[in-house]
Amino acid sequence: VGFSGGNKYLFPGIGGPRILNFFHWLAGVITNPRIIGNKWTPVRKVVDRAGALVRVPKKCLAMVVTPDKRLVGLFGGTPEGAWDAASQVSDHVHIIYKDRPFHTVLSVLPPMYDEVWVGGKGMYKLEPVVADGGEVILYAPHIKEVSLTHGANIRQLGYHCRDYFLKQWDRFKDFPWGVIAHCTHVRGIGTYENGVERCRIKVTLATGIPEEECQKLSLGYRDPATLDPASFANREHEGVLLVPKAGEMLYRLKNPPDWAKPD
């Protein structure tokens, strides 16, 4: 949606699968870098339009909390107004801006992410700072599952860029759109022309998921036992970024390329 909060707690929060799937796939069509960390996105407009259909009075307390659990902002009012003010603060608290992109990112996922379904945040929130042709490595030896709930659909779909799905829509349109969106967000942006998919970056799993399964999912594989996260530290000058607790903070470039700018 860009920034969480506001009417999002109603839609898709308790809104049911139809709006949930539409909401997520709309973001998938626009693509993750054009949505995440941007404020007035088309997805936010859908959320607020749905919120306007709720006729009872609505009040919102929007909190901005740091990763170490300090409250740094509290805004009250309508869901739209409180969210508007809180997101301004969130931009400074929850986003790390970098001067240049990195060719290698080690995204270390904490134990609270127990599946790729939720651990995908380690890709979503790092994609904007990965250089063309670069690699995000999702390091999580504890992750053994793609998704207990959605795994069957994900294994049929695979992880692919948006255009892979859009240009074969008759083949994929009956899958849950929210699951398709997950698959595109984890794989990142790319193209699909004449039956050939070309993704902008490489996405590699260094998890407890076997190499054969990673290949079937169209993701790279690294044996986590061969990786020492400490060896990736303090190498930003080399184009290597270590994110020790990935999935919480968003990383963006101070001067983003066109593919990361909202339309």
Protein backbone atom coordinates (compact mmCIF):
# COMPACT_ATOMS: atom_id res chain seq x y z
CA VAL A 1 0.00 0.00 0.00
CA GLY A 2 3.01 2.31 0.43
CA PHE A 3 2.70 3.01 4.15
CA SER A 4 0.57 0.84 6.41
CA GLY A 5 -2.20 2.06 8.70
CA GLY A 6 -5.37 4.13 8.48
CA ASN A 7 -8.25 2.51 6.64
CA LYS A 8 -6.03 -0.48 5.88
CA TYR A 9 -7.14 -1.97 9.20
CA LEU A 10 -10.63 -2.20 7.69
CA PHE A 11 -9.72 -2.94 4.07
CA PRO A 12 -8.30 -5.42 3.51
CA GLY A 13 -7.89 -5.95 7.29
CA ILE A 14 -11.34 -7.40 7.95
CA GLY A 15 -12.71 -6.95 4.45
CA GLY A 16 -12.63 -10.52 3.16
CA PRO A 17 -10.78 -12.28 0.33
CA ARG A 18 -12.22 -10.39 -2.66
CA ILE A 19 -10.80 -7.01 -1.73
CA LEU A 20 -7.70 -8.64 -0.24
CA ASN A 21 -6.82 -10.32 -3.52
CA PHE A 22 -7.66 -7.24 -5.59
CA PHE A 23 -5.68 -4.99 -3.26
CA HIS A 24 -2.54 -7.14 -3.38
CA TRP A 25 -2.64 -7.78 -7.11
CA LEU A 26 -3.11 -4.08 -7.86
CA ALA A 27 0.16 -3.51 -6.01
CA GLY A 28 1.70 -6.39 -7.94
CA VAL A 29 0.72 -4.85 -11.27
CA ILE A 30 2.15 -1.47 -10.27
CA THR A 31 5.22 -3.30 -8.84
CA ASN A 32 6.76 -3.24 -5.41
CA PRO A 33 9.40 -0.49 -5.95
CA ARG A 34 6.75 1.97 -7.18
CA ILE A 35 4.54 1.28 -4.16
CA ILE A 36 6.57 0.56 -1.05
CA GLY A 37 7.52 3.67 0.91
CA ASN A 38 5.54 5.94 -1.41
CA LYS A 39 2.61 7.75 0.13
CA TRP A 40 -0.29 8.49 -2.21
CA THR A 41 -0.39 5.29 -4.24
CA PRO A 42 -3.33 3.91 -6.24
CA VAL A 43 -3.57 1.14 -3.65
CA ARG A 44 -3.98 3.70 -0.85
CA LYS A 45 -6.73 5.36 -2.86
CA VAL A 46 -8.58 2.03 -3.09
CA VAL A 47 -8.25 1.58 0.67
CA ASP A 48 -9.58 5.06 1.42
CA ARG A 49 -12.42 4.72 -1.08
CA ALA A 50 -13.48 1.48 0.60
CA GLY A 51 -13.17 3.16 4.00
CA ALA A 52 -15.53 5.90 2.87
CA LEU A 53 -18.25 3.27 2.41
CA VAL A 54 -18.27 2.62 6.16
CA ARG A 55 -20.96 5.00 7.39
CA VAL A 56 -20.37 4.82 11.13
CA PRO A 57 -18.00 7.45 12.59
CA LYS A 58 -14.38 6.31 12.46
CA LYS A 59 -11.52 7.50 14.67
CA CYS A 60 -7.92 6.41 14.45
CA LEU A 61 -4.92 6.58 16.75
CA ALA A 62 -1.88 6.16 14.50
CA MET A 63 1.36 5.28 16.27
CA VAL A 64 4.89 5.51 14.93
CA VAL A 65 7.16 3.09 16.79
CA THR A 66 10.89 2.58 16.31
CA PRO A 67 12.39 -0.92 15.85
CA ASP A 68 13.49 -0.79 19.51
CA LYS A 69 9.84 -0.20 20.47
CA ARG A 70 10.01 3.52 21.34
CA LEU A 71 6.89 5.55 20.60
CA VAL A 72 7.98 8.58 18.56
CA GLY A 73 4.64 9.70 17.17
CA LEU A 74 0.96 9.47 18.10
CA PHE A 75 -1.68 11.06 15.92
CA GLY A 76 -5.45 11.05 16.40
CA GLY A 77 -8.35 11.94 14.15
CA THR A 78 -9.97 10.43 11.10
CA PRO A 79 -8.21 7.38 9.66
CA GLU A 80 -7.15 9.48 6.68
CA GLY A 81 -5.85 12.43 8.71
CA ALA A 82 -4.09 10.43 11.41
CA TRP A 83 -2.45 8.19 8.81
CA ASP A 84 -1.36 11.20 6.75
CA ALA A 85 0.48 12.72 9.72
CA ALA A 86 1.95 9.42 10.94
CA SER A 87 3.28 8.44 7.53
CA GLN A 88 5.26 11.69 7.36
CA VAL A 89 7.10 10.67 10.53
CA SER A 90 7.40 7.05 9.42
CA ASP A 91 9.30 8.19 6.33
CA HIS A 92 12.10 9.38 8.64
CA VAL A 93 11.89 6.52 11.15
CA HIS A 94 11.33 3.39 9.06
CA ILE A 95 13.24 4.10 5.85
CA ILE A 96 17.02 4.02 5.42
CA TYR A 97 18.18 6.04 2.44
CA LYS A 98 21.37 5.02 0.65
CA ASP A 99 23.53 6.99 -1.78
CA ARG A 100 24.16 4.14 -4.20
CA PRO A 101 22.92 0.62 -4.99
CA PHE A 102 24.60 -2.63 -3.94
CA HIS A 103 25.49 -5.62 -6.09
CA THR A 104 25.14 -8.09 -3.19
CA VAL A 105 22.70 -7.91 -0.28
CA LEU A 106 22.60 -10.48 2.52
CA SER A 107 19.14 -10.23 4.03
CA VAL A 108 19.21 -12.04 7.38
CA LEU A 109 15.69 -13.00 8.41
CA PRO A 110 14.93 -13.30 12.14
CA PRO A 111 13.11 -16.36 13.55
CA MET A 112 9.73 -14.58 13.58
CA TYR A 113 9.68 -15.13 9.81
CA ASP A 114 9.09 -18.88 9.68
CA GLU A 115 8.13 -19.23 5.99
CA VAL A 116 9.06 -17.61 2.70
CA TRP A 117 5.46 -16.31 2.65
CA VAL A 118 6.32 -13.85 5.42
CA GLY A 119 10.10 -13.83 4.95
CA GLY A 120 9.56 -12.34 1.52
CA LYS A 121 9.76 -8.99 3.30
CA GLY A 122 13.51 -9.49 3.23
CA MET A 123 13.26 -9.02 -0.53
CA TYR A 124 10.43 -6.45 -0.72
CA LYS A 125 12.25 -4.02 1.55
CA LEU A 126 15.67 -4.41 -0.07
CA GLU A 127 14.82 -4.56 -3.78
CA PRO A 128 15.00 -0.76 -4.22
CA VAL A 129 18.73 -0.64 -3.32
CA VAL A 130 19.92 -3.63 -5.38
CA ALA A 131 21.88 -2.75 -8.51
CA ASP A 132 20.85 -4.07 -11.91
CA GLY A 133 22.21 -7.60 -12.20
CA GLY A 134 22.76 -7.80 -8.44
CA GLU A 135 21.65 -10.41 -5.94
CA VAL A 136 19.55 -10.57 -2.79
CA ILE A 137 20.34 -13.58 -0.61
CA LEU A 138 17.60 -14.43 1.88
CA TYR A 139 19.55 -16.03 4.73
CA ALA A 140 17.32 -18.02 7.08
CA PRO A 141 18.50 -21.55 7.92
CA HIS A 142 15.42 -21.94 10.14
CA ILE A 143 12.94 -21.58 7.25
CA LYS A 144 11.88 -25.00 5.97
CA GLU A 145 8.60 -24.11 4.24
CA VAL A 146 7.48 -21.84 1.43
CA SER A 147 4.01 -21.61 2.99
CA LEU A 148 1.86 -24.16 4.77
CA THR A 149 -1.29 -22.31 3.70
CA HIS A 150 -0.40 -21.19 0.17
CA GLY A 151 2.44 -23.55 -0.73
CA ALA A 152 0.49 -25.67 -3.22
CA ASN A 153 -0.45 -22.61 -5.27
CA ILE A 154 3.03 -21.11 -5.04
CA ARG A 155 4.61 -24.33 -6.29
CA GLN A 156 2.32 -24.29 -9.32
CA LEU A 157 2.99 -20.61 -9.99
CA GLY A 158 6.68 -20.31 -9.21
CA TYR A 159 8.37 -17.00 -8.44
CA HIS A 160 8.31 -14.77 -11.50
CA CYS A 161 8.18 -11.12 -12.51
CA ARG A 162 4.87 -9.38 -13.13
CA ASP A 163 4.98 -9.61 -16.92
CA TYR A 164 5.41 -13.39 -16.81
CA PHE A 165 1.93 -13.58 -15.29
CA LEU A 166 0.26 -10.71 -17.15
CA LYS A 167 1.31 -11.96 -20.57
CA GLN A 168 -0.08 -15.41 -19.79
CA TRP A 169 -3.11 -14.18 -17.85
CA ASP A 170 -5.54 -16.79 -19.14
CA ARG A 171 -3.25 -19.41 -17.64
CA PHE A 172 -2.99 -17.79 -14.21
CA LYS A 173 -6.13 -15.68 -13.69
CA ASP A 174 -7.93 -18.31 -11.60
CA PHE A 175 -5.20 -18.53 -8.96
CA PRO A 176 -5.65 -16.33 -5.86
CA TRP A 177 -4.43 -12.92 -6.94
CA GLY A 178 -2.86 -12.24 -3.55
CA VAL A 179 -0.65 -15.31 -4.00
CA ILE A 180 0.37 -14.20 -7.49
CA ALA A 181 1.27 -10.81 -6.02
CA HIS A 182 3.50 -12.49 -3.42
CA CYS A 183 5.28 -14.40 -6.18
CA THR A 184 6.00 -11.23 -8.15
CA HIS A 185 7.10 -9.21 -5.12
CA VAL A 186 9.60 -11.86 -4.05
CA ARG A 187 11.01 -12.24 -7.56
CA GLY A 188 11.20 -8.54 -8.36
CA ILE A 189 10.70 -6.61 -11.55
CA GLY A 190 11.62 -7.87 -14.99
CA THR A 191 10.37 -8.53 -18.50
CA TYR A 192 8.79 -11.44 -20.37
CA GLU A 193 9.13 -11.34 -24.13
CA ASN A 194 8.73 -14.16 -26.66
CA GLY A 195 8.58 -16.74 -23.90
CA VAL A 196 11.79 -15.54 -22.23
CA GLU A 197 11.81 -14.08 -18.73
CA ARG A 198 14.55 -11.62 -17.78
CA CYS A 199 14.49 -10.44 -14.18
CA ARG A 200 16.41 -7.37 -13.09
CA ILE A 201 18.15 -9.07 -10.16
CA LYS A 202 18.83 -12.54 -8.79
CA VAL A 203 16.96 -13.78 -5.71
CA THR A 204 18.60 -16.61 -3.80
CA LEU A 205 17.34 -18.67 -0.87
CA ALA A 206 19.89 -19.69 1.77
CA THR A 207 17.36 -21.52 3.89
CA GLY A 208 16.39 -25.04 4.91
CA ILE A 209 14.53 -25.46 1.61
CA PRO A 210 16.37 -27.94 -0.65
CA GLU A 211 18.12 -26.86 -3.84
CA GLU A 212 15.81 -28.94 -6.05
CA GLU A 213 12.75 -27.15 -4.68
CA CYS A 214 14.38 -23.73 -5.11
CA GLN A 215 15.04 -24.56 -8.76
CA LYS A 216 11.41 -25.58 -9.29
CA LEU A 217 10.35 -22.28 -7.74
CA SER A 218 12.67 -20.38 -10.14
CA LEU A 219 14.80 -19.08 -7.28
CA GLY A 220 18.52 -19.42 -6.68
CA TYR A 221 19.97 -21.65 -3.97
CA ARG A 222 22.87 -21.29 -1.54
CA ASP A 223 23.71 -23.72 1.23
CA PRO A 224 23.36 -21.58 4.38
CA ALA A 225 26.15 -23.60 6.03
CA THR A 226 28.59 -22.11 3.50
CA LEU A 227 27.70 -18.52 4.39
CA ASP A 228 29.06 -16.49 7.29
CA PRO A 229 26.93 -13.37 7.71
CA ALA A 230 29.79 -11.62 9.54
CA SER A 231 31.88 -11.80 6.36
CA PHE A 232 29.37 -9.50 4.65
CA ALA A 233 29.67 -6.79 7.31
CA ASN A 234 31.37 -3.41 6.82
CA ARG A 235 31.68 -3.82 3.06
CA GLU A 236 29.26 -1.21 1.79
CA HIS A 237 32.17 0.54 0.05
CA GLU A 238 32.57 -2.67 -1.99
CA GLY A 239 28.88 -2.74 -2.94
CA VAL A 240 28.01 -5.40 -0.35
CA LEU A 241 25.24 -4.77 2.18
CA LEU A 242 24.51 -6.83 5.29
CA VAL A 243 21.06 -6.38 6.84
CA PRO A 244 21.19 -8.27 10.17
CA LYS A 245 17.46 -8.10 10.95
CA ALA A 246 15.79 -7.81 7.60
CA GLY A 247 12.09 -7.24 7.01
CA GLU A 248 11.53 -4.28 9.34
CA MET A 249 13.28 -1.30 7.76
CA LEU A 250 12.79 -0.27 4.15
CA TYR A 251 15.90 0.60 2.14
CA ARG A 252 15.62 3.13 -0.67
CA LEU A 253 17.99 5.19 -2.78
CA LYS A 254 18.20 8.93 -2.24
CA ASN A 255 17.98 9.34 -6.01
CA PRO A 256 15.86 6.39 -7.19
CA PRO A 257 15.83 5.18 -10.80
CA ASP A 258 12.70 5.54 -12.88
CA TRP A 259 11.51 2.01 -12.10
CA ALA A 260 11.31 2.92 -8.39
CA LYS A 261 9.45 6.20 -8.82
CA PRO A 262 5.66 6.35 -8.43
CA ASP A 263 3.77 7.19 -11.62
